[in-house]
Amino acid sequence: MELIDSHCHLDDDRFDAQRGEVIARAAAAGIGTMIIEFADCNDALITYDITSPDISGEVPIQRIVSENVPACELLVEQLQ
């Protein structure tokens, strides 16, 4: 059975030096990858790679519940 970690925060700066190693260890342990990259507070792209049964691709997504948008926009503003 392959597992997918869908909430792992590999985009965090703390993984910069070891991101490739973390992904390699996860793959060796049978964990597929699913990366969610947000373009802004509403739109994102999910990229997935599941080694068994060897499928991969991308799925664009858009937020449909807007209650978190103000918090997201405030965080983006603070980070700039």
C-alpha atoms as a PDB file:
ATOM      1  CA  MET A   1       0.000   0.000   0.000  1.00  0.00           C
ATOM      2  CA  GLU A   2       1.288   3.455  -0.889  1.00  0.00           C
ATOM      3  CA  LEU A   3       0.651   6.416   1.381  1.00  0.00           C
ATOM      4  CA  ILE A   4       0.350  10.061   0.356  1.00  0.00           C
ATOM      5  CA  ASP A   5       1.307  12.835   2.730  1.00  0.00           C
ATOM      6  CA  SER A   6      -0.998  15.630   1.633  1.00  0.00           C
ATOM      7  CA  HIS A   7      -0.096  18.136   4.338  1.00  0.00           C
ATOM      8  CA  CYS A   8       3.647  18.056   4.854  1.00  0.00           C
ATOM      9  CA  HIS A   9       4.733  21.689   4.309  1.00  0.00           C
ATOM     10  CA  LEU A  10       7.804  20.798   2.245  1.00  0.00           C
ATOM     11  CA  ASP A  11       7.722  24.362   0.950  1.00  0.00           C
ATOM     12  CA  ASP A  12       8.835  25.585   4.388  1.00  0.00           C
ATOM     13  CA  ASP A  13      12.261  27.272   4.370  1.00  0.00           C
ATOM     14  CA  ARG A  14      13.445  24.820   7.048  1.00  0.00           C
ATOM     15  CA  PHE A  15      13.520  22.102   4.367  1.00  0.00           C
ATOM     16  CA  ASP A  16      15.635  24.083   1.878  1.00  0.00           C
ATOM     17  CA  ALA A  17      18.883  22.250   2.654  1.00  0.00           C
ATOM     18  CA  GLN A  18      17.345  18.783   2.813  1.00  0.00           C
ATOM     19  CA  ARG A  19      14.154  18.850   0.701  1.00  0.00           C
ATOM     20  CA  GLY A  20      15.494  16.343  -1.847  1.00  0.00           C
ATOM     21  CA  GLU A  21      16.644  14.004   0.913  1.00  0.00           C
ATOM     22  CA  VAL A  22      13.259  14.198   2.669  1.00  0.00           C
ATOM     23  CA  ILE A  23      11.434  13.374  -0.584  1.00  0.00           C
ATOM     24  CA  ALA A  24      13.833  10.495  -1.327  1.00  0.00           C
ATOM     25  CA  ARG A  25      13.317   9.013   2.153  1.00  0.00           C
ATOM     26  CA  ALA A  26       9.558   9.322   1.771  1.00  0.00           C
ATOM     27  CA  ALA A  27       9.658   7.608  -1.628  1.00  0.00           C
ATOM     28  CA  ALA A  28      11.832   4.807  -0.217  1.00  0.00           C
ATOM     29  CA  ALA A  29       9.240   4.343   2.527  1.00  0.00           C
ATOM     30  CA  GLY A  30       6.492   4.008  -0.093  1.00  0.00           C
ATOM     31  CA  ILE A  31       5.021   7.477   0.220  1.00  0.00           C
ATOM     32  CA  GLY A  32       3.853   9.123  -2.996  1.00  0.00           C
ATOM     33  CA  THR A  33       4.073  12.875  -3.376  1.00  0.00           C
ATOM     34  CA  MET A  34       1.346  15.469  -3.553  1.00  0.00           C
ATOM     35  CA  ILE A  35       2.440  19.095  -3.682  1.00  0.00           C
ATOM     36  CA  ILE A  36      -0.028  21.951  -3.393  1.00  0.00           C
ATOM     37  CA  GLU A  37       1.324  25.247  -4.701  1.00  0.00           C
ATOM     38  CA  PHE A  38      -0.845  28.312  -4.186  1.00  0.00           C
ATOM     39  CA  ALA A  39      -0.626  31.085  -6.768  1.00  0.00           C
ATOM     40  CA  ASP A  40      -2.661  33.335  -4.478  1.00  0.00           C
ATOM     41  CA  CYS A  41      -5.285  32.940  -1.745  1.00  0.00           C
ATOM     42  CA  ASN A  42      -7.829  31.470  -4.162  1.00  0.00           C
ATOM     43  CA  ASP A  43      -6.005  29.403  -6.781  1.00  0.00           C
ATOM     44  CA  ALA A  44      -3.592  26.510  -6.470  1.00  0.00           C
ATOM     45  CA  LEU A  45      -2.114  23.638  -8.434  1.00  0.00           C
ATOM     46  CA  ILE A  46      -1.884  20.105  -7.053  1.00  0.00           C
ATOM     47  CA  THR A  47       0.983  18.084  -8.516  1.00  0.00           C
ATOM     48  CA  TYR A  48       0.948  14.385  -7.686  1.00  0.00           C
ATOM     49  CA  ASP A  49       3.228  11.419  -8.299  1.00  0.00           C
ATOM     50  CA  ILE A  50       2.019   8.041  -7.084  1.00  0.00           C
ATOM     51  CA  THR A  51       4.564   5.337  -7.831  1.00  0.00           C
ATOM     52  CA  SER A  52       2.097   2.481  -7.647  1.00  0.00           C
ATOM     53  CA  PRO A  53       0.213   2.284 -10.036  1.00  0.00           C
ATOM     54  CA  ASP A  54       2.598   4.791 -11.659  1.00  0.00           C
ATOM     55  CA  ILE A  55       0.343   7.788 -12.149  1.00  0.00           C
ATOM     56  CA  SER A  56       1.226  11.446 -12.040  1.00  0.00           C
ATOM     57  CA  GLY A  57      -0.198  14.737 -13.162  1.00  0.00           C
ATOM     58  CA  GLU A  58      -1.537  18.124 -12.164  1.00  0.00           C
ATOM     59  CA  VAL A  59      -4.948  19.320 -11.041  1.00  0.00           C
ATOM     60  CA  PRO A  60      -5.790  23.027 -10.795  1.00  0.00           C
ATOM     61  CA  ILE A  61      -8.007  23.868  -7.830  1.00  0.00           C
ATOM     62  CA  GLN A  62      -9.860  26.954  -6.682  1.00  0.00           C
ATOM     63  CA  ARG A  63     -11.060  27.778  -3.181  1.00  0.00           C
ATOM     64  CA  ILE A  64     -14.853  27.497  -2.931  1.00  0.00           C
ATOM     65  CA  VAL A  65     -15.199  28.380   0.759  1.00  0.00           C
ATOM     66  CA  SER A  66     -14.075  31.950   1.194  1.00  0.00           C
ATOM     67  CA  GLU A  67     -14.011  32.182   4.993  1.00  0.00           C
ATOM     68  CA  ASN A  68     -10.214  31.709   5.137  1.00  0.00           C
ATOM     69  CA  VAL A  69      -9.403  34.229   2.400  1.00  0.00           C
ATOM     70  CA  PRO A  70      -9.099  37.278   4.719  1.00  0.00           C
ATOM     71  CA  ALA A  71      -6.662  35.396   6.988  1.00  0.00           C
ATOM     72  CA  CYS A  72      -4.667  34.258   3.955  1.00  0.00           C
ATOM     73  CA  GLU A  73      -4.529  37.768   2.495  1.00  0.00           C
ATOM     74  CA  LEU A  74      -3.411  39.185   5.850  1.00  0.00           C
ATOM     75  CA  LEU A  75      -0.624  36.585   6.069  1.00  0.00           C
ATOM     76  CA  VAL A  76       0.512  37.358   2.513  1.00  0.00           C
ATOM     77  CA  GLU A  77       0.536  41.075   3.336  1.00  0.00           C
ATOM     78  CA  GLN A  78       2.623  40.472   6.458  1.00  0.00           C
ATOM     79  CA  LEU A  79       5.146  38.354   4.540  1.00  0.00           C
ATOM     80  CA  GLN A  80       5.792  41.012   1.895  1.00  0.00           C
END
